[in-house]
Amino acid sequence: MQTFHELPLPPFLANQSLHFQDWYLDGAFLYSTERLTVPIIK
C-alpha cells in the first residue's frame, strides 16, 4: 500500500528523485540500510 503526502517544495527544486541510505558500524562490522528512493513530482 502506498501513501502519498503533499508537501510544499521550494520553487528551485525540479522533478527528480531523492535517495536516502544510512551506514552504521557495529563493532568491527560496517552495515548499510536499503536505499529509499523518494520521487519529487511537481
PDB file of N, CA and C in Angstrom:
ATOM      1  N   MET A   1       0.833  -1.173   0.000  1.00  0.00           N
ATOM      2  CA  MET A   1       0.000   0.000   0.000  1.00  0.00           C
ATOM      3  C   MET A   1       0.881   1.241   0.000  1.00  0.00           C
ATOM      4  N   GLN A   2       0.610   2.160  -0.889  1.00  0.00           N
ATOM      5  CA  GLN A   2       1.377   3.396  -0.976  1.00  0.00           C
ATOM      6  C   GLN A   2       0.594   4.535  -0.343  1.00  0.00           C
ATOM      7  N   THR A   3       1.305   5.361   0.376  1.00  0.00           N
ATOM      8  CA  THR A   3       0.702   6.550   0.971  1.00  0.00           C
ATOM      9  C   THR A   3       1.419   7.762   0.401  1.00  0.00           C
ATOM     10  N   PHE A   4       0.661   8.728  -0.065  1.00  0.00           N
ATOM     11  CA  PHE A   4       1.239   9.927  -0.649  1.00  0.00           C
ATOM     12  C   PHE A   4       0.914  11.118   0.242  1.00  0.00           C
ATOM     13  N   HIS A   5       1.919  11.961   0.429  1.00  0.00           N
ATOM     14  CA  HIS A   5       1.753  13.171   1.224  1.00  0.00           C
ATOM     15  C   HIS A   5       2.188  14.352   0.374  1.00  0.00           C
ATOM     16  N   GLU A   6       1.405  15.389   0.366  1.00  0.00           N
ATOM     17  CA  GLU A   6       1.769  16.607  -0.346  1.00  0.00           C
ATOM     18  C   GLU A   6       2.490  17.547   0.610  1.00  0.00           C
ATOM     19  N   LEU A   7       3.668  17.994   0.204  1.00  0.00           N
ATOM     20  CA  LEU A   7       4.470  18.924   0.996  1.00  0.00           C
ATOM     21  C   LEU A   7       4.827  20.122   0.131  1.00  0.00           C
ATOM     22  N   PRO A   8       4.846  21.322   0.683  1.00  0.00           N
ATOM     23  CA  PRO A   8       5.276  22.480  -0.110  1.00  0.00           C
ATOM     24  C   PRO A   8       6.776  22.365  -0.405  1.00  0.00           C
ATOM     25  N   LEU A   9       7.132  22.585  -1.651  1.00  0.00           N
ATOM     26  CA  LEU A   9       8.526  22.478  -2.071  1.00  0.00           C
ATOM     27  C   LEU A   9       9.038  23.833  -2.540  1.00  0.00           C
ATOM     28  N   PRO A  10      10.329  24.092  -2.363  1.00  0.00           N
ATOM     29  CA  PRO A  10      10.884  25.350  -2.865  1.00  0.00           C
ATOM     30  C   PRO A  10      10.811  25.372  -4.397  1.00  0.00           C
ATOM     31  N   PRO A  11      10.629  26.541  -5.000  1.00  0.00           N
ATOM     32  CA  PRO A  11      10.440  26.629  -6.450  1.00  0.00           C
ATOM     33  C   PRO A  11      11.642  26.143  -7.258  1.00  0.00           C
ATOM     34  N   PHE A  12      12.846  26.203  -6.714  1.00  0.00           N
ATOM     35  CA  PHE A  12      14.031  25.794  -7.476  1.00  0.00           C
ATOM     36  C   PHE A  12      14.194  24.272  -7.552  1.00  0.00           C
ATOM     37  N   LEU A  13      13.419  23.524  -6.800  1.00  0.00           N
ATOM     38  CA  LEU A  13      13.526  22.066  -6.791  1.00  0.00           C
ATOM     39  C   LEU A  13      12.757  21.502  -7.976  1.00  0.00           C
ATOM     40  N   ALA A  14      13.468  20.865  -8.903  1.00  0.00           N
ATOM     41  CA  ALA A  14      12.852  20.325 -10.116  1.00  0.00           C
ATOM     42  C   ALA A  14      12.385  18.884  -9.876  1.00  0.00           C
ATOM     43  N   ASN A  15      11.699  18.325 -10.877  1.00  0.00           N
ATOM     44  CA  ASN A  15      11.307  16.911 -10.793  1.00  0.00           C
ATOM     45  C   ASN A  15      12.574  16.065 -10.751  1.00  0.00           C
ATOM     46  N   GLN A  16      12.688  15.262  -9.745  1.00  0.00           N
ATOM     47  CA  GLN A  16      13.858  14.406  -9.565  1.00  0.00           C
ATOM     48  C   GLN A  16      13.545  13.383  -8.495  1.00  0.00           C
ATOM     49  N   SER A  17      14.506  12.539  -8.200  1.00  0.00           N
ATOM     50  CA  SER A  17      14.347  11.564  -7.120  1.00  0.00           C
ATOM     51  C   SER A  17      15.422  11.808  -6.068  1.00  0.00           C
ATOM     52  N   LEU A  18      15.032  11.728  -4.816  1.00  0.00           N
ATOM     53  CA  LEU A  18      15.983  11.822  -3.709  1.00  0.00           C
ATOM     54  C   LEU A  18      16.230  10.420  -3.189  1.00  0.00           C
ATOM     55  N   HIS A  19      17.480  10.122  -2.861  1.00  0.00           N
ATOM     56  CA  HIS A  19      17.853   8.799  -2.376  1.00  0.00           C
ATOM     57  C   HIS A  19      18.422   8.929  -0.967  1.00  0.00           C
ATOM     58  N   PHE A  20      17.972   8.069  -0.067  1.00  0.00           N
ATOM     59  CA  PHE A  20      18.430   8.066   1.319  1.00  0.00           C
ATOM     60  C   PHE A  20      18.977   6.686   1.660  1.00  0.00           C
ATOM     61  N   GLN A  21      20.103   6.662   2.354  1.00  0.00           N
ATOM     62  CA  GLN A  21      20.696   5.409   2.813  1.00  0.00           C
ATOM     63  C   GLN A  21      21.552   5.726   4.035  1.00  0.00           C
ATOM     64  N   ASP A  22      21.582   4.801   4.975  1.00  0.00           N
ATOM     65  CA  ASP A  22      22.347   5.007   6.206  1.00  0.00           C
ATOM     66  C   ASP A  22      23.394   3.917   6.346  1.00  0.00           C
ATOM     67  N   TRP A  23      24.520   4.272   6.903  1.00  0.00           N
ATOM     68  CA  TRP A  23      25.599   3.333   7.197  1.00  0.00           C
ATOM     69  C   TRP A  23      25.847   3.364   8.701  1.00  0.00           C
ATOM     70  N   TYR A  24      26.094   2.204   9.280  1.00  0.00           N
ATOM     71  CA  TYR A  24      26.381   2.180  10.709  1.00  0.00           C
ATOM     72  C   TYR A  24      27.408   1.106  11.021  1.00  0.00           C
ATOM     73  N   LEU A  25      28.164   1.356  12.066  1.00  0.00           N
ATOM     74  CA  LEU A  25      29.250   0.489  12.498  1.00  0.00           C
ATOM     75  C   LEU A  25      28.817  -0.266  13.742  1.00  0.00           C
ATOM     76  N   ASP A  26      28.954  -1.584  13.709  1.00  0.00           N
ATOM     77  CA  ASP A  26      28.619  -2.432  14.852  1.00  0.00           C
ATOM     78  C   ASP A  26      29.850  -3.265  15.173  1.00  0.00           C
ATOM     79  N   GLY A  27      30.627  -2.780  16.136  1.00  0.00           N
ATOM     80  CA  GLY A  27      31.893  -3.455  16.443  1.00  0.00           C
ATOM     81  C   GLY A  27      32.843  -3.304  15.271  1.00  0.00           C
ATOM     82  N   ALA A  28      33.287  -4.429  14.700  1.00  0.00           N
ATOM     83  CA  ALA A  28      34.209  -4.403  13.566  1.00  0.00           C
ATOM     84  C   ALA A  28      33.468  -4.500  12.231  1.00  0.00           C
ATOM     85  N   PHE A  29      32.143  -4.484  12.233  1.00  0.00           N
ATOM     86  CA  PHE A  29      31.368  -4.684  11.014  1.00  0.00           C
ATOM     87  C   PHE A  29      30.659  -3.401  10.598  1.00  0.00           C
ATOM     88  N   LEU A  30      30.678  -3.126   9.293  1.00  0.00           N
ATOM     89  CA  LEU A  30      30.009  -1.968   8.717  1.00  0.00           C
ATOM     90  C   LEU A  30      28.768  -2.460   7.975  1.00  0.00           C
ATOM     91  N   TYR A  31      27.624  -1.902   8.313  1.00  0.00           N
ATOM     92  CA  TYR A  31      26.357  -2.306   7.706  1.00  0.00           C
ATOM     93  C   TYR A  31      25.721  -1.100   7.026  1.00  0.00           C
ATOM     94  N   SER A  32      24.825  -1.387   6.093  1.00  0.00           N
ATOM     95  CA  SER A  32      24.065  -0.307   5.467  1.00  0.00           C
ATOM     96  C   SER A  32      22.600  -0.697   5.395  1.00  0.00           C
ATOM     97  N   THR A  33      21.746   0.312   5.386  1.00  0.00           N
ATOM     98  CA  THR A  33      20.318   0.065   5.210  1.00  0.00           C
ATOM     99  C   THR A  33      20.028  -0.009   3.714  1.00  0.00           C
ATOM    100  N   GLU A  34      18.842  -0.490   3.370  1.00  0.00           N
ATOM    101  CA  GLU A  34      18.443  -0.473   1.973  1.00  0.00           C
ATOM    102  C   GLU A  34      18.165   0.968   1.564  1.00  0.00           C
ATOM    103  N   ARG A  35      18.405   1.254   0.300  1.00  0.00           N
ATOM    104  CA  ARG A  35      18.196   2.618  -0.184  1.00  0.00           C
ATOM    105  C   ARG A  35      16.700   2.905  -0.311  1.00  0.00           C
ATOM    106  N   LEU A  36      16.309   4.079   0.116  1.00  0.00           N
ATOM    107  CA  LEU A  36      14.937   4.541  -0.005  1.00  0.00           C
ATOM    108  C   LEU A  36      14.932   5.648  -1.072  1.00  0.00           C
ATOM    109  N   THR A  37      14.121   5.481  -2.102  1.00  0.00           N
ATOM    110  CA  THR A  37      14.017   6.455  -3.175  1.00  0.00           C
ATOM    111  C   THR A  37      12.684   7.182  -3.059  1.00  0.00           C
ATOM    112  N   VAL A  38      12.750   8.511  -3.050  1.00  0.00           N
ATOM    113  CA  VAL A  38      11.545   9.338  -2.945  1.00  0.00           C
ATOM    114  C   VAL A  38      11.465  10.199  -4.196  1.00  0.00           C
ATOM    115  N   PRO A  39      10.478   9.949  -5.068  1.00  0.00           N
ATOM    116  CA  PRO A  39      10.347  10.793  -6.258  1.00  0.00           C
ATOM    117  C   PRO A  39       9.728  12.143  -5.907  1.00  0.00           C
ATOM    118  N   ILE A  40      10.294  13.207  -6.459  1.00  0.00           N
ATOM    119  CA  ILE A  40       9.767  14.557  -6.282  1.00  0.00           C
ATOM    120  C   ILE A  40       9.043  14.917  -7.576  1.00  0.00           C
ATOM    121  N   ILE A  41       7.742  15.111  -7.489  1.00  0.00           N
ATOM    122  CA  ILE A  41       6.923  15.410  -8.657  1.00  0.00           C
ATOM    123  C   ILE A  41       6.177  16.711  -8.405  1.00  0.00           C
ATOM    124  N   LYS A  42       6.326  17.655  -9.300  1.00  0.00           N
ATOM    125  CA  LYS A  42       5.639  18.950  -9.151  1.00  0.00           C
ATOM    126  C   LYS A  42       4.504  19.036 -10.129  1.00  0.00           C
TER     127      LYS A  42
END
